[in-house]
N, C-alpha and C. Protein backbone atom coordinates (compact mmCIF):
# COMPACT_ATOMS: atom_id res chain seq x y z
N MET A 1 8.93 -14.87 3.90
CA MET A 1 8.17 -13.87 4.37
C MET A 1 8.35 -12.80 3.34
N ILE A 2 8.05 -12.02 2.49
CA ILE A 2 8.45 -10.96 1.74
C ILE A 2 8.06 -9.56 2.20
N THR A 3 8.69 -8.79 1.52
CA THR A 3 8.01 -7.41 1.82
C THR A 3 8.07 -6.61 0.88
N GLU A 4 6.71 -5.98 0.74
CA GLU A 4 6.25 -4.67 -0.47
C GLU A 4 6.39 -3.65 0.07
N ILE A 5 7.22 -2.74 -0.84
CA ILE A 5 7.21 -1.61 -0.69
C ILE A 5 7.00 -0.45 -1.83
N ALA A 6 6.38 0.58 -1.43
CA ALA A 6 5.77 1.64 -2.52
C ALA A 6 5.88 2.74 -1.69
N LEU A 7 6.54 3.54 -2.78
CA LEU A 7 6.53 5.24 -2.32
C LEU A 7 5.41 5.71 -2.98
N LEU A 8 4.48 6.51 -2.48
CA LEU A 8 3.32 6.67 -2.84
C LEU A 8 3.35 8.56 -2.74
N LYS A 9 3.68 9.25 -3.89
CA LYS A 9 3.24 10.35 -3.97
C LYS A 9 2.31 10.64 -4.01
N ILE A 10 1.62 11.87 -3.07
CA ILE A 10 0.16 12.02 -3.15
C ILE A 10 0.03 13.45 -4.20
N ARG A 11 -0.87 13.78 -4.93
CA ARG A 11 -1.35 14.68 -4.83
C ARG A 11 -1.23 16.37 -4.48
N GLY A 12 -1.05 17.10 -4.46
CA GLY A 12 -0.95 18.35 -3.89
C GLY A 12 -2.06 19.04 -3.17
N ASN A 13 -1.92 18.83 -1.81
CA ASN A 13 -3.02 18.89 -1.07
C ASN A 13 -4.08 17.89 -0.84
N GLU A 14 -3.91 17.10 -0.85
CA GLU A 14 -4.84 16.04 -0.72
C GLU A 14 -4.32 15.10 0.17
N SER A 15 -3.00 15.04 0.70
CA SER A 15 -2.65 14.32 2.22
C SER A 15 -3.53 13.94 2.89
N LYS A 16 -4.28 14.70 3.46
CA LYS A 16 -5.31 14.78 4.87
C LYS A 16 -6.65 13.64 4.39
N ALA A 17 -7.00 13.75 2.70
CA ALA A 17 -8.28 12.99 2.53
C ALA A 17 -7.23 12.03 2.25
N PHE A 18 -6.23 11.62 1.66
CA PHE A 18 -5.61 10.34 1.11
C PHE A 18 -5.85 9.85 2.79
N GLU A 19 -5.02 10.12 3.69
CA GLU A 19 -4.92 9.23 5.16
C GLU A 19 -6.38 8.85 5.46
N LYS A 20 -7.49 9.68 5.11
CA LYS A 20 -8.58 9.29 5.86
C LYS A 20 -9.28 7.81 5.19
N SER A 21 -8.34 8.13 4.03
CA SER A 21 -9.10 6.89 2.85
C SER A 21 -8.26 5.63 3.12
N PHE A 22 -7.07 5.92 3.15
CA PHE A 22 -6.29 4.69 3.86
C PHE A 22 -6.68 4.07 5.17
N GLU A 23 -7.14 4.91 6.33
CA GLU A 23 -7.76 4.12 7.57
C GLU A 23 -8.55 3.22 6.99
N ILE A 24 -9.26 3.41 5.96
CA ILE A 24 -10.63 2.56 5.74
C ILE A 24 -10.09 1.28 4.78
N ALA A 25 -9.28 1.55 3.69
CA ALA A 25 -8.38 0.57 3.05
C ALA A 25 -7.48 -0.17 3.75
N GLN A 26 -6.63 0.49 4.86
CA GLN A 26 -5.83 -0.64 5.29
C GLN A 26 -6.74 -2.06 6.03
N LYS A 27 -8.05 -1.82 6.50
CA LYS A 27 -8.49 -3.06 6.78
C LYS A 27 -8.84 -4.02 5.53
N ILE A 28 -9.19 -3.45 4.27
CA ILE A 28 -9.27 -4.35 3.05
C ILE A 28 -8.01 -5.37 3.24
N ILE A 29 -7.13 -4.37 2.86
CA ILE A 29 -5.55 -5.68 3.02
C ILE A 29 -5.15 -6.42 4.17
N ALA A 30 -5.25 -5.90 5.06
CA ALA A 30 -5.52 -6.89 6.81
C ALA A 30 -6.00 -7.94 6.57
N GLY A 31 -6.85 -8.35 5.86
CA GLY A 31 -8.17 -9.49 6.09
C GLY A 31 -7.38 -10.46 4.40
N MET A 32 -6.65 -9.89 4.12
CA MET A 32 -6.11 -10.54 3.09
C MET A 32 -5.43 -12.06 3.28
N ASN A 33 -5.86 -13.15 2.33
CA ASN A 33 -4.73 -14.64 3.07
C ASN A 33 -3.18 -14.15 2.69
N GLY A 34 -2.68 -14.19 3.26
CA GLY A 34 -0.98 -14.46 3.50
C GLY A 34 -0.84 -12.64 4.40
N TYR A 35 -1.54 -12.15 4.20
CA TYR A 35 -0.99 -10.92 4.92
C TYR A 35 -0.42 -10.92 6.59
N ILE A 36 0.28 -10.52 6.61
CA ILE A 36 1.14 -10.33 7.78
C ILE A 36 0.68 -8.75 8.70
N ASN A 37 1.65 -7.85 8.02
CA ASN A 37 1.25 -6.70 8.87
C ASN A 37 1.97 -5.51 7.62
N HIS A 38 1.62 -4.14 7.97
CA HIS A 38 1.70 -2.81 7.35
C HIS A 38 2.34 -1.93 7.79
N GLU A 39 2.38 -1.19 7.40
CA GLU A 39 3.01 0.29 7.96
C GLU A 39 2.63 1.38 6.85
N LEU A 40 2.36 2.56 7.08
CA LEU A 40 2.13 3.54 6.29
C LEU A 40 2.84 4.77 6.93
N GLN A 41 4.01 4.84 6.47
CA GLN A 41 5.14 6.16 6.89
C GLN A 41 5.20 7.53 6.04
N LYS A 42 4.74 8.59 7.04
CA LYS A 42 4.84 10.07 6.19
C LYS A 42 6.33 10.37 5.98
N CYS A 43 7.01 11.17 4.76
CA CYS A 43 7.78 11.33 4.83
C CYS A 43 7.78 12.83 5.14
N LEU A 44 9.66 12.98 5.70
CA LEU A 44 9.40 14.44 6.71
C LEU A 44 9.97 15.41 6.28
N GLU A 45 10.66 14.85 4.80
CA GLU A 45 11.30 15.73 4.03
C GLU A 45 9.74 16.46 2.54
N GLU A 46 9.42 15.63 2.28
CA GLU A 46 8.02 15.86 1.28
C GLU A 46 7.17 15.87 1.79
N GLU A 47 5.92 16.92 1.89
CA GLU A 47 4.61 16.68 2.52
C GLU A 47 4.07 15.85 1.97
N ASP A 48 3.98 15.88 0.68
CA ASP A 48 3.16 14.40 0.20
C ASP A 48 3.75 13.32 -0.05
N LYS A 49 4.63 12.87 0.98
CA LYS A 49 5.20 11.71 0.22
C LYS A 49 5.31 10.51 1.41
N TYR A 50 4.85 9.59 1.02
CA TYR A 50 4.83 8.36 1.75
C TYR A 50 5.32 6.75 1.56
N MET A 51 5.38 6.03 2.56
CA MET A 51 5.79 4.93 2.23
C MET A 51 4.95 3.56 2.87
N LEU A 52 4.81 2.91 2.12
CA LEU A 52 4.00 1.92 2.36
C LEU A 52 4.70 0.52 2.20
N ILE A 53 5.17 -0.02 3.55
CA ILE A 53 5.62 -1.38 3.81
C ILE A 53 4.34 -2.22 4.09
N VAL A 54 4.49 -3.18 3.25
CA VAL A 54 3.52 -4.18 3.78
C VAL A 54 4.49 -5.70 3.96
N ARG A 55 3.81 -6.56 4.71
CA ARG A 55 4.72 -7.96 4.67
C ARG A 55 3.59 -8.71 4.27
N TRP A 56 3.94 -9.68 3.67
CA TRP A 56 3.18 -10.84 3.27
C TRP A 56 4.22 -12.65 3.02
N GLU A 57 3.17 -13.28 3.41
CA GLU A 57 4.07 -14.97 3.93
C GLU A 57 4.44 -15.18 2.06
N LYS A 58 3.86 -15.15 1.04
CA LYS A 58 4.82 -14.92 0.08
C LYS A 58 4.11 -14.15 -1.24
N LEU A 59 4.99 -14.42 -1.97
CA LEU A 59 4.87 -12.80 -3.11
C LEU A 59 3.99 -12.85 -3.69
N GLU A 60 3.25 -14.27 -4.01
CA GLU A 60 2.04 -14.67 -5.16
C GLU A 60 0.55 -14.24 -3.80
N ASP A 61 0.73 -14.03 -2.49
CA ASP A 61 -0.41 -13.51 -2.00
C ASP A 61 -0.68 -12.36 -2.11
N HIS A 62 0.59 -11.66 -2.42
CA HIS A 62 0.23 -10.31 -2.68
C HIS A 62 0.17 -9.95 -4.82
N THR A 63 0.95 -10.75 -5.66
CA THR A 63 1.02 -10.27 -6.70
C THR A 63 -1.08 -10.99 -7.17
N GLU A 64 -0.86 -12.50 -6.86
CA GLU A 64 -2.10 -12.80 -7.01
C GLU A 64 -3.11 -12.93 -6.58
N GLY A 65 -2.99 -13.34 -5.28
CA GLY A 65 -4.34 -12.79 -4.18
C GLY A 65 -4.77 -11.72 -4.28
N PHE A 66 -4.01 -10.92 -3.40
CA PHE A 66 -4.90 -9.63 -3.09
C PHE A 66 -4.93 -9.07 -4.49
N ARG A 67 -3.88 -8.89 -5.65
CA ARG A 67 -4.11 -8.04 -7.15
C ARG A 67 -5.57 -8.43 -7.72
N LYS A 68 -5.27 -9.58 -7.35
CA LYS A 68 -6.78 -10.26 -8.56
C LYS A 68 -8.32 -10.41 -7.40
N SER A 69 -7.93 -9.68 -6.45
CA SER A 69 -9.26 -9.84 -6.29
C SER A 69 -10.49 -8.68 -6.13
N GLU A 70 -11.20 -9.33 -5.32
CA GLU A 70 -12.55 -8.47 -5.45
C GLU A 70 -12.38 -6.76 -4.62
N GLU A 71 -11.45 -7.54 -3.46
CA GLU A 71 -11.12 -6.39 -2.60
C GLU A 71 -10.31 -5.62 -3.22
N TYR A 72 -9.23 -6.08 -4.19
CA TYR A 72 -8.41 -4.80 -4.41
C TYR A 72 -9.30 -4.08 -5.62
N GLN A 73 -10.15 -4.50 -5.98
CA GLN A 73 -10.94 -3.11 -6.68
C GLN A 73 -11.32 -1.57 -5.90
N GLN A 74 -11.85 -2.57 -4.20
CA GLN A 74 -12.02 -1.69 -3.30
C GLN A 74 -11.19 -0.99 -3.22
N TRP A 75 -9.85 -1.54 -2.87
CA TRP A 75 -8.65 -1.11 -2.54
C TRP A 75 -8.26 0.56 -3.61
N LYS A 76 -8.47 0.13 -4.84
CA LYS A 76 -8.00 1.00 -5.97
C LYS A 76 -8.79 2.07 -6.14
N LYS A 77 -10.68 2.31 -5.66
CA LYS A 77 -11.63 2.62 -5.88
C LYS A 77 -11.10 3.75 -4.94
N LEU A 78 -10.48 3.33 -3.60
CA LEU A 78 -10.41 4.30 -2.44
C LEU A 78 -9.15 4.92 -2.54
N LEU A 79 -8.09 4.49 -3.15
CA LEU A 79 -6.35 5.12 -3.11
C LEU A 79 -6.37 5.63 -4.32
N HIS A 80 -6.23 4.75 -5.53
CA HIS A 80 -5.30 4.59 -6.45
C HIS A 80 -5.43 6.48 -6.96
N HIS A 81 -6.98 6.78 -6.67
CA HIS A 81 -7.15 9.00 -7.43
C HIS A 81 -5.67 9.60 -6.62
N TYR A 82 -5.24 8.84 -5.58
CA TYR A 82 -4.69 10.31 -4.84
C TYR A 82 -2.78 10.34 -5.44
N TYR A 83 -2.89 8.93 -6.31
CA TYR A 83 -1.32 9.08 -6.81
C TYR A 83 -0.89 9.92 -7.73
N ASP A 84 0.23 10.66 -7.97
CA ASP A 84 0.59 11.16 -9.01
C ASP A 84 2.40 11.51 -8.85
N PRO A 85 2.67 10.77 -9.39
CA PRO A 85 2.64 9.51 -10.23
C PRO A 85 2.28 8.12 -10.05
N PHE A 86 2.07 7.35 -10.48
CA PHE A 86 1.43 5.92 -10.13
C PHE A 86 2.89 5.44 -9.45
N PRO A 87 2.50 4.50 -8.39
CA PRO A 87 4.08 4.13 -7.54
C PRO A 87 4.47 2.97 -8.39
N THR A 88 5.71 2.98 -8.33
CA THR A 88 6.29 1.68 -8.67
C THR A 88 6.61 0.81 -7.40
N VAL A 89 5.95 -0.15 -7.19
CA VAL A 89 5.92 -1.03 -5.69
C VAL A 89 7.29 -1.93 -6.38
N GLU A 90 7.78 -2.73 -5.24
CA GLU A 90 8.81 -3.53 -5.44
C GLU A 90 8.74 -4.50 -4.22
N HIS A 91 9.47 -5.87 -4.63
CA HIS A 91 9.21 -6.77 -3.14
C HIS A 91 10.71 -7.16 -3.23
N TYR A 92 11.15 -7.36 -1.62
CA TYR A 92 12.22 -7.61 -0.84
C TYR A 92 12.19 -8.92 -0.07
N LYS A 93 13.28 -9.66 0.14
CA LYS A 93 13.37 -10.89 0.88
C LYS A 93 14.65 -10.29 1.94
N LYS A 94 14.47 -10.62 3.15
CA LYS A 94 15.23 -10.98 4.11
C LYS A 94 16.54 -11.51 3.58
N ILE A 95 17.57 -10.91 4.07
CA ILE A 95 19.25 -11.75 3.69
C ILE A 95 19.46 -12.07 4.80
N TYR A 96 19.65 -11.24 5.41
CA TYR A 96 20.27 -11.14 6.98
C TYR A 96 19.09 -11.24 8.16
């Protein structure tokens, strides 16, 4: 299992719209091959900041399977216009 982490900075005053769009988009990612689960957490210190955590069976399920899929194009259309700047996405594996 790998964990994808993305820190999302949302354009000012668009957080509510982002959350509504994410409610739809999460159904897309949840249907992907290798998907295990996800969480979207809202930062307490910064109003328009979120952390997206997605767990995948293997790295390629995210980087190849999801990102190269038609479903990813829908995900992009729903969410990418909210980000400023575009988030860095990192992948982690459990050590302990």
